[in-house]
C-alpha atoms as a PDB file:
ATOM      1  CA  MET A   1      -0.100  -0.065   0.158  1.00  0.00           C
ATOM      2  CA  ASN A   2       2.999   2.384   1.115  1.00  0.00           C
ATOM      3  CA  LYS A   3       4.132   2.220  -2.509  1.00  0.00           C
ATOM      4  CA  LYS A   4       0.782   2.761  -4.304  1.00  0.00           C
ATOM      5  CA  TYR A   5       0.393   5.675  -1.735  1.00  0.00           C
ATOM      6  CA  HIS A   6       3.508   7.486  -2.854  1.00  0.00           C
ATOM      7  CA  SER A   7       2.906   6.741  -6.216  1.00  0.00           C
ATOM      8  CA  LEU A   8      -0.504   8.301  -6.583  1.00  0.00           C
ATOM      9  CA  SER A   9       0.788  10.886  -4.071  1.00  0.00           C
ATOM     10  CA  GLY A  10       3.372  11.995  -6.875  1.00  0.00           C
ATOM     11  CA  ARG A  11       0.681  12.101  -9.744  1.00  0.00           C
ATOM     12  CA  TYR A  12      -1.554  14.050  -7.245  1.00  0.00           C
ATOM     13  CA  PHE A  13       1.024  16.456  -6.760  1.00  0.00           C
ATOM     14  CA  ALA A  14       1.480  17.252 -10.665  1.00  0.00           C
ATOM     15  CA  ALA A  15      -2.229  17.071 -11.212  1.00  0.00           C
ATOM     16  CA  LEU A  16      -2.717  19.542  -8.777  1.00  0.00           C
ATOM     17  CA  SER A  17      -0.160  21.846  -9.800  1.00  0.00           C
ATOM     18  CA  ARG A  18      -1.171  21.191 -13.038  1.00  0.00           C
ATOM     19  CA  ARG A  19      -4.818  22.781 -12.229  1.00  0.00           C
ATOM     20  CA  LEU A  20      -3.287  25.683 -10.124  1.00  0.00           C
ATOM     21  CA  LYS A  21      -1.028  26.846 -12.893  1.00  0.00           C
ATOM     22  CA  GLY A  22      -4.026  26.852 -15.459  1.00  0.00           C
ATOM     23  CA  GLY A  23      -6.742  28.235 -13.259  1.00  0.00           C
ATOM     24  CA  ALA A  24     -10.412  27.408 -13.931  1.00  0.00           C
ATOM     25  CA  ARG A  25      -9.390  26.156 -17.430  1.00  0.00           C
ATOM     26  CA  GLY A  26      -6.828  23.574 -15.988  1.00  0.00           C
ATOM     27  CA  PRO A  27      -7.242  20.076 -17.041  1.00  0.00           C
ATOM     28  CA  ALA A  28     -10.349  18.838 -14.454  1.00  0.00           C
ATOM     29  CA  GLY A  29     -10.246  15.406 -15.602  1.00  0.00           C
ATOM     30  CA  LEU A  30      -7.024  14.332 -13.768  1.00  0.00           C
ATOM     31  CA  ALA A  31      -8.842  15.148 -10.754  1.00  0.00           C
ATOM     32  CA  VAL A  32     -11.396  12.470 -11.324  1.00  0.00           C
ATOM     33  CA  LYS A  33      -8.539  10.074 -12.510  1.00  0.00           C
ATOM     34  CA  CYS A  34      -6.796  10.281  -9.497  1.00  0.00           C
ATOM     35  CA  GLY A  35      -9.899   9.657  -7.456  1.00  0.00           C
ATOM     36  CA  GLU A  36     -10.518   6.460  -9.392  1.00  0.00           C
ATOM     37  CA  GLU A  37      -7.027   5.505  -8.825  1.00  0.00           C
ATOM     38  CA  ALA A  38      -7.269   6.056  -4.755  1.00  0.00           C
ATOM     39  CA  VAL A  39     -10.494   3.763  -4.924  1.00  0.00           C
ATOM     40  CA  ALA A  40      -8.495   1.026  -6.929  1.00  0.00           C
ATOM     41  CA  PHE A  41      -5.671   1.095  -4.365  1.00  0.00           C
ATOM     42  CA  GLY A  42      -8.157   0.742  -1.819  1.00  0.00           C
ATOM     43  CA  LEU A  43      -7.503   3.818  -0.231  1.00  0.00           C
ATOM     44  CA  ASP A  44     -10.423   6.098   1.558  1.00  0.00           C
ATOM     45  CA  THR A  45     -11.510   9.473   1.702  1.00  0.00           C
ATOM     46  CA  LEU A  46      -9.151  10.362   4.596  1.00  0.00           C
ATOM     47  CA  ASP A  47      -5.659   9.132   2.468  1.00  0.00           C
ATOM     48  CA  LEU A  48      -6.767  11.176  -0.393  1.00  0.00           C
ATOM     49  CA  ALA A  49      -7.418  14.170   1.621  1.00  0.00           C
ATOM     50  CA  ARG A  50      -4.052  13.775   3.584  1.00  0.00           C
ATOM     51  CA  ILE A  51      -2.665  13.730  -0.336  1.00  0.00           C
ATOM     52  CA  HIS A  52      -4.392  16.931  -1.527  1.00  0.00           C
ATOM     53  CA  GLU A  53      -3.232  18.802   1.850  1.00  0.00           C
ATOM     54  CA  GLN A  54       0.543  17.672   1.595  1.00  0.00           C
ATOM     55  CA  SER A  55       0.609  18.840  -1.949  1.00  0.00           C
ATOM     56  CA  LEU A  56      -1.486  21.912  -1.317  1.00  0.00           C
ATOM     57  CA  GLN A  57       0.982  22.969   1.151  1.00  0.00           C
ATOM     58  CA  ALA A  58       4.051  22.180  -0.999  1.00  0.00           C
ATOM     59  CA  LEU A  59       2.728  24.141  -3.942  1.00  0.00           C
ATOM     60  CA  ALA A  60       0.994  27.420  -2.087  1.00  0.00           C
ATOM     61  CA  PRO A  61       3.958  30.061  -2.227  1.00  0.00           C
ATOM     62  CA  VAL A  62       5.164  30.893   1.160  1.00  0.00           C
ATOM     63  CA  ARG A  63       4.700  34.752   0.138  1.00  0.00           C
ATOM     64  CA  CYS A  64       1.537  35.780  -1.322  1.00  0.00           C
ATOM     65  CA  SER A  65      -1.063  38.088  -1.215  1.00  0.00           C
ATOM     66  CA  ALA A  66      -4.169  37.328   0.418  1.00  0.00           C
ATOM     67  CA  ALA A  67      -6.338  37.126  -3.009  1.00  0.00           C
ATOM     68  CA  GLU A  68      -3.889  35.094  -4.157  1.00  0.00           C
ATOM     69  CA  LEU A  69      -4.120  32.734  -1.450  1.00  0.00           C
ATOM     70  CA  ARG A  70      -7.979  32.656  -1.735  1.00  0.00           C
ATOM     71  CA  LYS A  71      -7.881  31.838  -5.302  1.00  0.00           C
ATOM     72  CA  ILE A  72      -5.283  28.988  -4.829  1.00  0.00           C
ATOM     73  CA  ARG A  73      -7.426  27.786  -1.846  1.00  0.00           C
ATOM     74  CA  ARG A  74     -10.640  28.084  -4.135  1.00  0.00           C
ATOM     75  CA  LEU A  75      -9.162  25.946  -7.082  1.00  0.00           C
ATOM     76  CA  ALA A  76      -7.649  23.411  -4.772  1.00  0.00           C
ATOM     77  CA  SER A  77     -11.053  22.781  -3.489  1.00  0.00           C
ATOM     78  CA  GLN A  78     -12.674  22.800  -6.800  1.00  0.00           C
ATOM     79  CA  PHE A  79     -10.027  19.862  -7.878  1.00  0.00           C
ATOM     80  CA  PHE A  80     -10.421  17.862  -4.733  1.00  0.00           C
ATOM     81  CA  SER A  81     -14.271  17.885  -4.642  1.00  0.00           C
ATOM     82  CA  ARG A  82     -14.587  17.217  -8.670  1.00  0.00           C
ATOM     83  CA  PRO A  83     -17.685  15.093  -8.841  1.00  0.00           C
END
């Protein structure tokens, strides 16, 4: 499981990064694919939430405006909750 977790974590990080760089037009289908992989690997929602939080912390700039941080959080939230 650990190997699968880290493998998915890397792909999730890359997908979230692309989404944040692309804004609302970023590739939304990647979120669905990551979620499907998580289910196939037997991960639960908390595992995926942990991957999401770790990725977001690594991607969020240390110094940015409040408006920029709100935008990042909004896009990341949309990515995570993608139906």
